[in-house]
Amino acid sequence: MACLLETPIRMSVLSEVTASSRHYVDRLFDPDPQKVLQGVIDMKNAVIGNNKQKANLIVLGAVPRLLYLLQQETSSTELKTECAVVLGSLAMGTENNVKSLLDCHIIPALLQGLLSPDLKFIEACLRCLRTIFTSPVTPEELLYTGPDHQTILFNHGAVQNIAHLLTSPSYKHLSAMTDFKTEELVRQKVSTLSVIGSLASRRACLRVRTESALQASPVVRMQALKCFSVLAFENPQVSMTLVNVLVDGELLPQIFVKMLQRDKPIEMQLTSAKCLTYMCRAGAIRTDDSCIVLKTLPCLVRMCSKERLLEERVEGAETLAYLIEPDVELQRIASITDHLIAMLADYFKYPSSVSAITDIKRLDHDLKHAHELRQAAFKLYASLGANDEDIRKKIIETENMMDRIVTGLSESSVKVRLAAVRCLHSLSRSVQQLRTSFQDHAVWKPLMKVLQNAPDEILVVASSMLCNLLLEFSPSKEGRVSLCSLGCSGTYYVDQAGLELKKIHLPLSPECWD
């Protein structure tokens, strides 16, 4: 079984193999099971944080023996668990370590381990799998086994087994949090779902049995919701699967809607709204469905309130922007819900001098992340004003709106600048605003500065925005901007329909600006 490091590395490592390293491997072959167990435990302690020791043990052939012990029915569960932990530690070393583990066919062995009824062993296998699958050297093809592109996790029955364990008798009394054993079980359970989520994020084709996860404790429900949101994001196939799942006679979207109720934890409301939003954008739920119009959208608007924490307001605004982006009717409904347009103006004043925040650590955190609020506000304004002229007018008339956009174009954060440009581009679709507000604030000047040495994603939107300023009816084109198609280094050609940058030469020399 090919399990060795690449030749140059192998030669350098072999010269440094010590007697103690060989001793660890030799103990794995002891006929006494207790001595083998102690040898694996000692090996675990030796490799933690020691990449040299990890490489030595791999070269000496520790991996095939560990995998053999892990798969033997005669091995105790404790021994199997310790073997999985050591393998996970080896995987946390160099990329060559991961390659060596893959050469030893570690993945099928770990997947088989997920069928065990022992929670600690399952968690050790999952952690090792997560480390391997998140490594850049692991081929994504290893997640599949057949032409139907079903994941190996699903085919091996691992996820079904884990979901079944979530409703095992061990978890029936999670409310008694004073008991240490119960706390340990909760941690294991949450960790298990977290690992599934991280594995699923590599390829959102994983189908998870939802009944058990959604009937579990609130802590585990949150992890399940987060997992489902990852699965549904920009994935029509998975979204169509989830939308038809029945849980105790109720469809999964109906379960999510119940979690939007005001008496539920804020995090649960927000994550459920994200699940429904992603399923809607993926085409699994209609935009005019009552669960979107009457439940999801109002919930996300509530998250934008100044009573919410900074991160909740940011996530709420960004999710709402994503939900309404392609649908003009949702944009109109959102614009008149709870004075949303005026509410977003507070995003630029946070934290205010009269802030009710008394926790110094919280205030310090919010001051460091206040730019995320401005970014989220620009994104939502851009979505709101994408199609409707009346909404654009309301946004422009918001207190100091144009000044805030102009300021946003010069912020140090690239994400804020991009969001500001997108907002400006959305508003520039208005002929009236091009002739009035845009002209009054000379937005072309900061926009030209944004184009200098900007990332491609900003260039595409900013160039399209510039095209709007140069339209026949826009006063900005007269005596203000010359793109000098001849004799000048700055030339732009943008396909506005698809926002595709066809040709661009930067920088534009300052003498071409006037």
Protein backbone atom coordinates (compact mmCIF):
# COMPACT_ATOMS: atom_id res chain seq x y z
CA MET A 1 0.00 0.00 0.00
CA ALA A 2 1.61 3.26 -1.14
CA CYS A 3 1.72 5.44 1.92
CA LEU A 4 5.10 7.19 1.81
CA LEU A 5 6.08 10.82 1.41
CA GLU A 6 7.43 12.07 -1.90
CA THR A 7 11.01 10.90 -2.60
CA PRO A 8 13.02 14.12 -1.83
CA ILE A 9 11.11 14.71 1.38
CA ARG A 10 11.29 11.05 2.32
CA MET A 11 15.09 11.01 2.07
CA SER A 12 15.49 14.10 4.26
CA VAL A 13 13.03 12.82 6.82
CA LEU A 14 14.44 9.32 6.99
CA SER A 15 17.81 10.68 8.01
CA GLU A 16 16.18 12.21 11.07
CA VAL A 17 14.11 9.24 12.20
CA THR A 18 14.88 8.64 15.85
CA ALA A 19 14.76 5.51 17.93
CA SER A 20 11.87 6.91 19.93
CA SER A 21 9.80 7.36 16.74
CA ARG A 22 10.40 3.74 15.77
CA HIS A 23 9.46 2.71 19.30
CA TYR A 24 6.00 4.30 18.88
CA VAL A 25 5.33 2.24 15.75
CA ASP A 26 6.68 -0.99 17.21
CA ARG A 27 4.26 -0.73 20.13
CA LEU A 28 1.33 -0.81 17.68
CA PHE A 29 2.18 -4.46 16.95
CA ASP A 30 2.26 -5.60 20.58
CA PRO A 31 0.04 -8.68 21.19
CA ASP A 32 -1.32 -7.11 24.39
CA PRO A 33 -4.32 -4.87 23.49
CA GLN A 34 -3.76 -2.67 26.54
CA LYS A 35 -0.18 -1.99 25.54
CA VAL A 36 -1.31 -1.17 22.03
CA LEU A 37 -3.86 1.29 23.43
CA GLN A 38 -1.25 2.94 25.63
CA GLY A 39 1.11 3.09 22.67
CA VAL A 40 -1.48 4.93 20.56
CA ILE A 41 -2.17 7.36 23.41
CA ASP A 42 1.55 8.04 23.80
CA MET A 43 1.82 8.53 20.04
CA LYS A 44 -1.05 11.03 20.19
CA ASN A 45 0.76 13.05 22.84
CA ALA A 46 4.02 12.92 20.87
CA VAL A 47 2.66 14.23 17.54
CA ILE A 48 0.63 17.16 18.88
CA GLY A 49 2.24 20.29 17.44
CA ASN A 50 5.28 18.34 16.17
CA ASN A 51 5.34 18.15 12.37
CA LYS A 52 8.75 16.46 12.38
CA GLN A 53 7.44 13.64 14.55
CA LYS A 54 4.36 13.32 12.34
CA ALA A 55 6.51 12.94 9.22
CA ASN A 56 8.74 10.39 10.94
CA LEU A 57 5.79 8.23 11.95
CA ILE A 58 4.27 8.35 8.48
CA VAL A 59 7.56 7.24 6.92
CA LEU A 60 7.87 4.42 9.44
CA GLY A 61 4.49 3.03 8.40
CA ALA A 62 2.29 4.09 11.30
CA VAL A 63 -0.68 5.03 9.12
CA PRO A 64 -1.49 1.58 7.67
CA ARG A 65 -1.30 0.04 11.13
CA LEU A 66 -3.53 2.73 12.67
CA LEU A 67 -6.09 2.21 9.92
CA TYR A 68 -5.96 -1.54 10.45
CA LEU A 69 -6.61 -1.14 14.17
CA LEU A 70 -9.39 1.38 13.49
CA GLN A 71 -11.26 -1.09 11.25
CA GLN A 72 -10.80 -4.26 13.28
CA GLU A 73 -13.96 -5.51 14.97
CA THR A 74 -11.84 -6.92 17.78
CA SER A 75 -10.42 -3.48 18.60
CA SER A 76 -12.01 -1.75 21.55
CA THR A 77 -13.98 1.44 20.90
CA GLU A 78 -11.48 3.38 22.95
CA LEU A 79 -8.62 2.13 20.78
CA LYS A 80 -10.51 2.98 17.59
CA THR A 81 -11.21 6.47 18.90
CA GLU A 82 -7.58 7.09 19.81
CA CYS A 83 -6.48 5.86 16.37
CA ALA A 84 -8.88 8.30 14.70
CA VAL A 85 -7.57 11.13 16.88
CA VAL A 86 -3.95 10.36 15.93
CA LEU A 87 -4.87 10.21 12.23
CA GLY A 88 -6.61 13.56 12.56
CA SER A 89 -3.52 15.02 14.19
CA LEU A 90 -1.33 13.70 11.37
CA ALA A 91 -3.70 15.32 8.86
CA MET A 92 -3.20 18.67 10.59
CA GLY A 93 0.48 18.61 9.66
CA THR A 94 1.84 19.42 6.22
CA GLU A 95 0.07 18.98 2.90
CA ASN A 96 2.35 16.02 2.20
CA ASN A 97 0.92 14.37 5.29
CA VAL A 98 -2.58 14.67 3.87
CA LYS A 99 -1.41 13.23 0.55
CA SER A 100 0.11 10.26 2.37
CA LEU A 101 -3.12 9.65 4.27
CA LEU A 102 -5.12 9.78 1.05
CA ASP A 103 -2.72 7.29 -0.56
CA CYS A 104 -3.51 4.93 2.28
CA HIS A 105 -7.24 5.15 1.46
CA ILE A 106 -8.13 6.74 4.79
CA ILE A 107 -11.50 8.14 3.70
CA PRO A 108 -13.43 4.84 3.31
CA ALA A 109 -12.10 3.71 6.70
CA LEU A 110 -13.26 6.90 8.40
CA LEU A 111 -16.67 6.74 6.72
CA GLN A 112 -17.10 3.22 7.96
CA GLY A 113 -16.33 4.52 11.43
CA LEU A 114 -19.28 6.91 11.18
CA LEU A 115 -21.61 3.93 11.29
CA SER A 116 -20.53 3.19 14.85
CA PRO A 117 -23.01 3.84 17.69
CA ASP A 118 -20.25 5.41 19.80
CA LEU A 119 -20.43 9.21 19.79
CA LYS A 120 -16.81 9.91 20.69
CA PHE A 121 -15.56 7.65 17.93
CA ILE A 122 -17.92 9.29 15.41
CA GLU A 123 -16.76 12.74 16.42
CA ALA A 124 -13.08 11.75 16.07
CA CYS A 125 -13.76 10.37 12.57
CA LEU A 126 -15.71 13.49 11.58
CA ARG A 127 -12.98 15.82 12.78
CA CYS A 128 -10.39 13.89 10.80
CA LEU A 129 -12.63 13.97 7.71
CA ARG A 130 -13.12 17.70 8.09
CA THR A 131 -9.37 18.30 8.26
CA ILE A 132 -8.77 16.18 5.16
CA PHE A 133 -11.61 17.63 3.07
CA THR A 134 -10.71 21.23 3.92
CA SER A 135 -7.11 20.68 2.81
CA PRO A 136 -6.32 22.23 -0.60
CA VAL A 137 -4.56 19.05 -1.74
CA THR A 138 -7.65 16.85 -1.32
CA PRO A 139 -9.34 16.31 -4.72
CA GLU A 140 -13.01 17.30 -4.63
CA GLU A 141 -13.77 14.19 -6.70
CA LEU A 142 -13.27 12.14 -3.54
CA LEU A 143 -16.65 13.41 -2.36
CA TYR A 144 -18.36 11.40 -5.09
CA THR A 145 -18.65 7.71 -5.87
CA GLY A 146 -21.01 7.35 -8.81
CA PRO A 147 -22.29 9.00 -11.98
CA ASP A 148 -25.30 10.36 -10.10
CA HIS A 149 -22.89 12.56 -8.10
CA GLN A 150 -24.26 11.54 -4.73
CA THR A 151 -21.82 12.16 -1.93
CA ILE A 152 -19.88 9.37 -0.32
CA LEU A 153 -21.21 10.50 3.03
CA PHE A 154 -24.77 9.81 1.90
CA ASN A 155 -23.96 6.56 0.12
CA HIS A 156 -22.25 5.11 3.17
CA GLY A 157 -25.25 5.87 5.35
CA ALA A 158 -23.10 7.99 7.65
CA VAL A 159 -25.34 11.04 7.76
CA GLN A 160 -28.45 8.94 8.31
CA ASN A 161 -26.76 7.27 11.25
CA ILE A 162 -25.69 10.60 12.74
CA ALA A 163 -29.18 12.03 12.33
CA HIS A 164 -30.60 8.95 14.05
CA LEU A 165 -28.20 9.43 16.96
CA LEU A 166 -29.53 12.95 17.46
CA THR A 167 -32.75 11.48 18.84
CA SER A 168 -31.15 8.73 20.90
CA PRO A 169 -32.19 8.36 24.57
CA SER A 170 -28.91 9.93 25.65
CA TYR A 171 -30.25 13.30 24.46
CA LYS A 172 -33.75 13.15 25.92
CA HIS A 173 -33.06 15.34 28.93
CA LEU A 174 -30.92 18.17 27.59
CA SER A 175 -32.59 20.71 29.85
CA ALA A 176 -30.69 19.41 32.88
CA MET A 177 -27.60 21.42 32.08
CA THR A 178 -26.22 21.15 35.58
CA ASP A 179 -25.09 17.59 34.94
CA PHE A 180 -21.56 17.43 33.48
CA LYS A 181 -22.33 14.34 31.43
CA THR A 182 -25.26 16.08 29.77
CA GLU A 183 -23.09 19.10 28.96
CA GLU A 184 -20.55 16.80 27.38
CA LEU A 185 -23.26 15.16 25.25
CA VAL A 186 -24.51 18.55 24.09
CA ARG A 187 -21.00 19.57 23.07
CA GLN A 188 -20.54 16.35 21.13
CA LYS A 189 -23.89 16.75 19.43
CA VAL A 190 -23.28 20.36 18.40
CA SER A 191 -19.80 19.51 17.21
CA THR A 192 -21.13 16.67 15.08
CA LEU A 193 -23.59 18.91 13.20
CA SER A 194 -20.96 21.63 12.86
CA VAL A 195 -18.59 19.20 11.20
CA ILE A 196 -21.34 18.01 8.84
CA GLY A 197 -21.94 21.63 7.87
CA SER A 198 -18.27 22.29 7.14
CA LEU A 199 -18.01 19.12 5.07
CA ALA A 200 -21.21 19.93 3.18
CA SER A 201 -20.00 23.42 2.29
CA ARG A 202 -17.43 21.89 -0.07
CA ARG A 203 -20.22 20.49 -2.24
CA ALA A 204 -23.80 21.35 -1.48
CA CYS A 205 -25.24 18.06 -2.73
CA LEU A 206 -25.47 16.45 0.67
CA ARG A 207 -28.93 15.26 1.70
CA VAL A 208 -29.52 15.20 5.40
CA ARG A 209 -32.44 13.61 7.23
CA THR A 210 -34.01 16.59 8.93
CA GLU A 211 -36.59 15.05 11.23
CA SER A 212 -34.26 14.27 14.11
CA ALA A 213 -32.19 17.42 13.90
CA LEU A 214 -35.18 19.74 13.99
CA GLN A 215 -36.75 17.93 16.94
CA ALA A 216 -33.60 18.17 19.04
CA SER A 217 -32.56 20.79 21.58
CA PRO A 218 -32.48 24.51 20.62
CA VAL A 219 -28.68 24.41 20.58
CA VAL A 220 -28.64 21.61 18.04
CA ARG A 221 -31.49 23.15 16.06
CA MET A 222 -29.29 26.17 15.45
CA GLN A 223 -26.48 24.03 14.11
CA ALA A 224 -28.95 22.18 11.86
CA LEU A 225 -30.37 25.48 10.57
CA LYS A 226 -26.89 26.76 9.76
CA CYS A 227 -26.14 23.53 7.94
CA PHE A 228 -29.35 23.81 5.89
CA SER A 229 -28.59 27.42 4.96
CA VAL A 230 -25.18 26.36 3.64
CA LEU A 231 -26.76 23.55 1.66
CA ALA A 232 -29.48 25.71 0.09
CA PHE A 233 -27.32 28.72 -0.86
CA GLU A 234 -27.28 29.09 -4.67
CA ASN A 235 -28.14 25.41 -5.10
CA PRO A 236 -31.50 24.76 -6.81
CA GLN A 237 -31.19 20.98 -6.62
CA VAL A 238 -30.72 20.87 -2.86
CA SER A 239 -33.31 23.61 -2.29
CA MET A 240 -35.93 21.64 -4.24
CA THR A 241 -35.11 18.60 -2.11
CA LEU A 242 -35.38 20.49 1.17
CA VAL A 243 -38.63 22.25 0.26
CA ASN A 244 -40.38 18.89 -0.10
CA VAL A 245 -39.11 17.31 3.10
CA LEU A 246 -41.81 16.33 5.60
CA VAL A 247 -41.20 16.59 9.33
CA ASP A 248 -44.01 15.09 11.42
CA GLY A 249 -46.44 15.83 8.61
CA GLU A 250 -45.23 19.41 8.08
CA LEU A 251 -43.13 20.65 5.19
CA LEU A 252 -39.69 21.93 6.09
CA PRO A 253 -40.45 25.55 5.02
CA GLN A 254 -43.40 25.53 7.48
CA ILE A 255 -40.99 24.49 10.23
CA PHE A 256 -38.71 27.35 9.27
CA VAL A 257 -41.65 29.78 9.35
CA LYS A 258 -42.48 28.74 12.92
CA MET A 259 -38.90 29.57 13.86
CA LEU A 260 -39.43 33.13 12.59
CA GLN A 261 -41.82 33.93 15.43
CA ARG A 262 -40.84 36.79 17.71
CA ASP A 263 -40.70 34.58 20.79
CA LYS A 264 -37.88 32.53 19.28
CA PRO A 265 -34.21 33.44 19.86
CA ILE A 266 -32.99 36.15 17.49
CA GLU A 267 -30.32 33.90 16.04
CA MET A 268 -32.93 31.26 15.25
CA GLN A 269 -35.22 33.81 13.58
CA LEU A 270 -32.39 35.18 11.49
CA THR A 271 -31.00 31.81 10.41
CA SER A 272 -34.47 30.49 9.53
CA ALA A 273 -35.03 33.61 7.43
CA LYS A 274 -31.73 32.92 5.65
CA CYS A 275 -32.82 29.35 4.89
CA LEU A 276 -36.09 30.54 3.36
CA THR A 277 -34.31 33.34 1.49
CA TYR A 278 -31.79 30.97 -0.09
CA MET A 279 -34.51 28.50 -1.03
CA CYS A 280 -36.49 31.33 -2.61
CA ARG A 281 -33.52 32.66 -4.59
CA ALA A 282 -32.78 29.12 -5.75
CA GLY A 283 -36.28 28.91 -7.22
CA ALA A 284 -37.69 26.38 -4.76
CA ILE A 285 -40.13 28.93 -3.23
CA ARG A 286 -42.05 31.56 -5.21
CA THR A 287 -41.33 35.19 -4.45
CA ASP A 288 -45.06 35.83 -3.95
CA ASP A 289 -45.44 32.93 -1.49
CA SER A 290 -46.91 34.06 1.83
CA CYS A 291 -43.98 32.57 3.74
CA ILE A 292 -41.73 35.04 1.92
CA VAL A 293 -43.96 38.11 1.70
CA LEU A 294 -45.67 37.89 5.09
CA LYS A 295 -43.05 36.10 7.20
CA THR A 296 -39.48 36.14 5.90
CA LEU A 297 -39.35 39.72 4.60
CA PRO A 298 -40.90 41.31 7.75
CA CYS A 299 -38.57 39.25 9.94
CA LEU A 300 -35.49 40.50 8.08
CA VAL A 301 -36.76 44.08 8.30
CA ARG A 302 -37.09 43.63 12.09
CA MET A 303 -33.45 42.58 12.19
CA CYS A 304 -32.51 46.00 10.79
CA SER A 305 -33.92 47.80 13.82
CA LYS A 306 -31.51 49.82 15.96
CA GLU A 307 -32.54 47.71 18.95
CA ARG A 308 -30.66 44.76 17.46
CA LEU A 309 -26.95 44.05 17.89
CA LEU A 310 -24.56 45.23 15.20
CA GLU A 311 -23.92 41.79 13.72
CA GLU A 312 -27.67 41.07 13.65
CA ARG A 313 -28.37 44.31 11.82
CA VAL A 314 -25.61 43.60 9.30
CA GLU A 315 -26.76 40.04 8.61
CA GLY A 316 -30.40 41.09 8.44
CA ALA A 317 -29.75 43.88 5.93
CA GLU A 318 -27.48 41.80 3.72
CA THR A 319 -29.88 38.85 3.67
CA LEU A 320 -32.81 41.14 2.87
CA ALA A 321 -30.80 42.74 0.06
CA TYR A 322 -30.15 39.30 -1.40
CA LEU A 323 -33.82 38.30 -1.08
CA ILE A 324 -35.33 41.32 -2.87
CA GLU A 325 -32.57 41.94 -5.40
CA PRO A 326 -34.28 40.38 -8.47
CA ASP A 327 -37.94 41.07 -7.63
CA VAL A 328 -39.47 44.52 -8.00
CA GLU A 329 -42.59 43.66 -6.00
CA LEU A 330 -40.54 42.54 -3.00
CA GLN A 331 -38.55 45.76 -3.32
CA ARG A 332 -41.75 47.81 -3.14
CA ILE A 333 -43.08 45.86 -0.16
CA ALA A 334 -39.77 46.16 1.71
CA SER A 335 -39.53 49.90 1.06
CA ILE A 336 -42.79 50.56 2.91
CA THR A 337 -42.27 48.06 5.73
CA ASP A 338 -41.48 49.65 9.11
CA HIS A 339 -40.00 52.78 7.46
CA LEU A 340 -37.05 50.69 6.26
CA ILE A 341 -35.45 53.41 4.12
CA ALA A 342 -35.31 55.82 7.05
CA MET A 343 -34.26 53.00 9.39
CA LEU A 344 -31.19 52.30 7.27
CA ALA A 345 -30.04 55.90 7.70
CA ASP A 346 -29.22 55.01 11.32
CA TYR A 347 -26.61 52.57 10.02
CA PHE A 348 -24.41 55.55 9.19
CA LYS A 349 -24.77 57.09 12.68
CA TYR A 350 -23.74 54.03 14.70
CA PRO A 351 -22.55 54.10 17.41
CA SER A 352 -23.97 57.55 18.14
CA SER A 353 -22.81 59.90 20.86
CA VAL A 354 -25.93 59.02 22.84
CA SER A 355 -25.56 55.29 22.30
CA ALA A 356 -27.19 53.18 24.95
CA ILE A 357 -24.25 50.75 24.89
CA THR A 358 -22.78 50.60 28.38
CA ASP A 359 -20.58 47.54 27.88
CA ILE A 360 -17.13 48.91 27.04
CA LYS A 361 -16.07 45.73 25.26
CA ARG A 362 -19.22 45.76 23.15
CA LEU A 363 -18.72 49.45 22.31
CA ASP A 364 -15.11 48.81 21.33
CA HIS A 365 -16.20 45.89 19.15
CA ASP A 366 -18.90 47.96 17.44
CA LEU A 367 -16.54 50.84 16.76
CA LYS A 368 -14.15 48.46 15.02
CA HIS A 369 -16.94 46.92 12.93
CA ALA A 370 -19.10 49.98 12.23
CA HIS A 371 -17.95 49.92 8.59
CA GLU A 372 -19.86 46.63 8.18
CA LEU A 373 -23.08 48.50 8.93
CA ARG A 374 -22.36 51.05 6.20
CA GLN A 375 -21.54 48.26 3.76
CA ALA A 376 -24.80 46.45 4.57
CA ALA A 377 -26.83 49.67 4.23
CA PHE A 378 -25.35 50.42 0.80
CA LYS A 379 -26.14 46.87 -0.34
CA LEU A 380 -29.75 47.10 0.78
CA TYR A 381 -30.23 50.55 -0.72
CA ALA A 382 -28.85 49.18 -4.01
CA SER A 383 -31.37 46.33 -4.02
CA LEU A 384 -34.25 48.58 -3.00
CA GLY A 385 -33.58 51.06 -5.79
CA ALA A 386 -32.80 48.56 -8.52
CA ASN A 387 -36.06 49.01 -10.47
CA ASP A 388 -38.55 51.47 -9.00
CA GLU A 389 -38.20 55.21 -9.64
CA ASP A 390 -40.27 56.22 -6.60
CA ILE A 391 -38.07 54.15 -4.30
CA ARG A 392 -34.92 55.73 -5.76
CA LYS A 393 -36.39 59.16 -5.08
CA LYS A 394 -37.09 58.23 -1.44
CA ILE A 395 -33.54 56.94 -1.02
CA ILE A 396 -31.98 60.07 -2.51
CA GLU A 397 -34.14 62.27 -0.28
CA THR A 398 -32.93 60.45 2.83
CA GLU A 399 -30.86 62.70 5.09
CA ASN A 400 -27.40 63.39 3.59
CA MET A 401 -27.68 60.32 1.36
CA MET A 402 -25.55 61.57 -1.53
CA ASP A 403 -22.87 62.84 0.84
CA ARG A 404 -22.76 59.44 2.51
CA ILE A 405 -22.37 57.67 -0.83
CA VAL A 406 -19.58 60.03 -1.90
CA THR A 407 -17.85 59.44 1.44
CA GLY A 408 -18.29 55.69 1.02
CA LEU A 409 -16.45 55.81 -2.31
CA SER A 410 -13.28 56.87 -0.51
CA GLU A 411 -13.45 54.51 2.49
CA SER A 412 -10.43 52.36 3.26
CA SER A 413 -12.48 49.14 3.17
CA VAL A 414 -12.70 47.70 -0.35
CA LYS A 415 -16.02 46.03 0.52
CA VAL A 416 -17.56 49.34 1.60
CA ARG A 417 -16.32 51.05 -1.58
CA LEU A 418 -17.77 48.28 -3.72
CA ALA A 419 -21.11 48.48 -1.90
CA ALA A 420 -21.16 52.27 -2.32
CA VAL A 421 -20.46 51.97 -6.05
CA ARG A 422 -23.24 49.39 -6.40
CA CYS A 423 -25.62 51.69 -4.59
CA LEU A 424 -24.62 54.60 -6.82
CA HIS A 425 -25.03 52.45 -9.91
CA SER A 426 -28.51 51.40 -8.83
CA LEU A 427 -29.56 55.01 -8.27
CA SER A 428 -27.96 56.14 -11.55
CA ARG A 429 -30.66 54.28 -13.48
CA SER A 430 -32.89 57.25 -12.69
CA VAL A 431 -32.91 59.96 -15.39
CA GLN A 432 -34.17 62.51 -12.87
CA GLN A 433 -31.38 61.80 -10.40
CA LEU A 434 -28.73 61.96 -13.12
CA ARG A 435 -29.97 65.45 -13.98
CA THR A 436 -30.26 66.69 -10.40
CA SER A 437 -28.61 65.06 -7.38
CA PHE A 438 -25.76 63.45 -9.31
CA GLN A 439 -24.98 66.72 -11.02
CA ASP A 440 -25.20 68.75 -7.81
CA HIS A 441 -22.74 66.48 -5.97
CA ALA A 442 -20.36 65.95 -8.92
CA VAL A 443 -20.24 62.23 -8.19
CA TRP A 444 -18.08 61.63 -11.25
CA LYS A 445 -15.03 63.06 -9.46
CA PRO A 446 -14.83 60.53 -6.60
CA LEU A 447 -15.91 57.83 -9.06
CA MET A 448 -12.89 58.53 -11.25
CA LYS A 449 -10.64 58.21 -8.22
CA VAL A 450 -12.23 54.87 -7.37
CA LEU A 451 -11.21 53.61 -10.81
CA GLN A 452 -7.55 54.15 -10.06
CA ASN A 453 -5.88 50.82 -9.12
CA ALA A 454 -9.22 49.32 -8.12
CA PRO A 455 -9.95 45.57 -7.99
CA ASP A 456 -11.73 44.11 -11.02
CA GLU A 457 -15.07 43.74 -9.22
CA ILE A 458 -15.11 47.48 -8.49
CA LEU A 459 -13.94 48.33 -12.02
CA VAL A 460 -16.84 46.48 -13.61
CA VAL A 461 -19.55 48.24 -11.59
CA ALA A 462 -17.81 51.65 -11.53
CA SER A 463 -17.28 51.57 -15.30
CA SER A 464 -20.93 50.73 -15.88
CA MET A 465 -21.87 53.54 -13.52
CA LEU A 466 -19.62 55.85 -15.53
CA CYS A 467 -21.47 54.87 -18.70
CA ASN A 468 -24.73 56.03 -17.12
CA LEU A 469 -23.14 59.40 -16.36
CA LEU A 470 -22.15 59.72 -20.01
CA LEU A 471 -25.58 59.00 -21.47
CA GLU A 472 -27.00 61.55 -23.88
CA PHE A 473 -29.40 63.08 -21.37
CA SER A 474 -26.89 63.27 -18.50
CA PRO A 475 -25.38 66.72 -17.84
CA SER A 476 -22.29 65.03 -16.36
CA LYS A 477 -21.00 64.21 -19.83
CA GLU A 478 -20.76 67.83 -20.96
CA GLY A 479 -17.55 69.59 -20.07
CA ARG A 480 -16.91 67.25 -17.17
CA VAL A 481 -15.59 63.91 -18.34
CA SER A 482 -13.62 63.13 -21.46
CA LEU A 483 -12.59 59.57 -21.99
CA CYS A 484 -10.20 60.54 -24.78
CA SER A 485 -10.51 57.54 -27.04
CA LEU A 486 -7.59 58.88 -29.06
CA GLY A 487 -4.23 59.85 -27.63
CA CYS A 488 -5.14 58.95 -24.04
CA SER A 489 -4.36 55.90 -21.93
CA GLY A 490 -7.91 55.70 -20.58
CA THR A 491 -10.44 53.86 -22.73
CA TYR A 492 -13.61 52.20 -21.54
CA TYR A 493 -16.09 49.90 -23.21
CA VAL A 494 -18.66 48.21 -21.00
CA ASP A 495 -21.49 45.89 -21.95
CA GLN A 496 -24.04 47.27 -19.49
CA ALA A 497 -26.62 44.57 -20.08
CA GLY A 498 -24.39 42.00 -18.45
CA LEU A 499 -22.07 44.37 -16.60
CA GLU A 500 -19.22 42.74 -18.51
CA LEU A 501 -15.98 44.68 -18.77
CA LYS A 502 -14.91 44.36 -22.40
CA LYS A 503 -11.89 46.64 -22.49
CA ILE A 504 -10.21 48.94 -20.03
CA HIS A 505 -6.85 50.68 -19.86
CA LEU A 506 -5.88 52.26 -16.57
CA PRO A 507 -5.02 54.67 -15.18
CA LEU A 508 -6.87 57.62 -16.67
CA SER A 509 -4.58 60.59 -16.54
CA PRO A 510 -5.96 63.45 -14.38
CA GLU A 511 -5.86 65.85 -17.36
CA CYS A 512 -8.59 63.75 -18.97
CA TRP A 513 -11.02 64.37 -16.15
CA ASP A 514 -12.08 67.86 -17.25
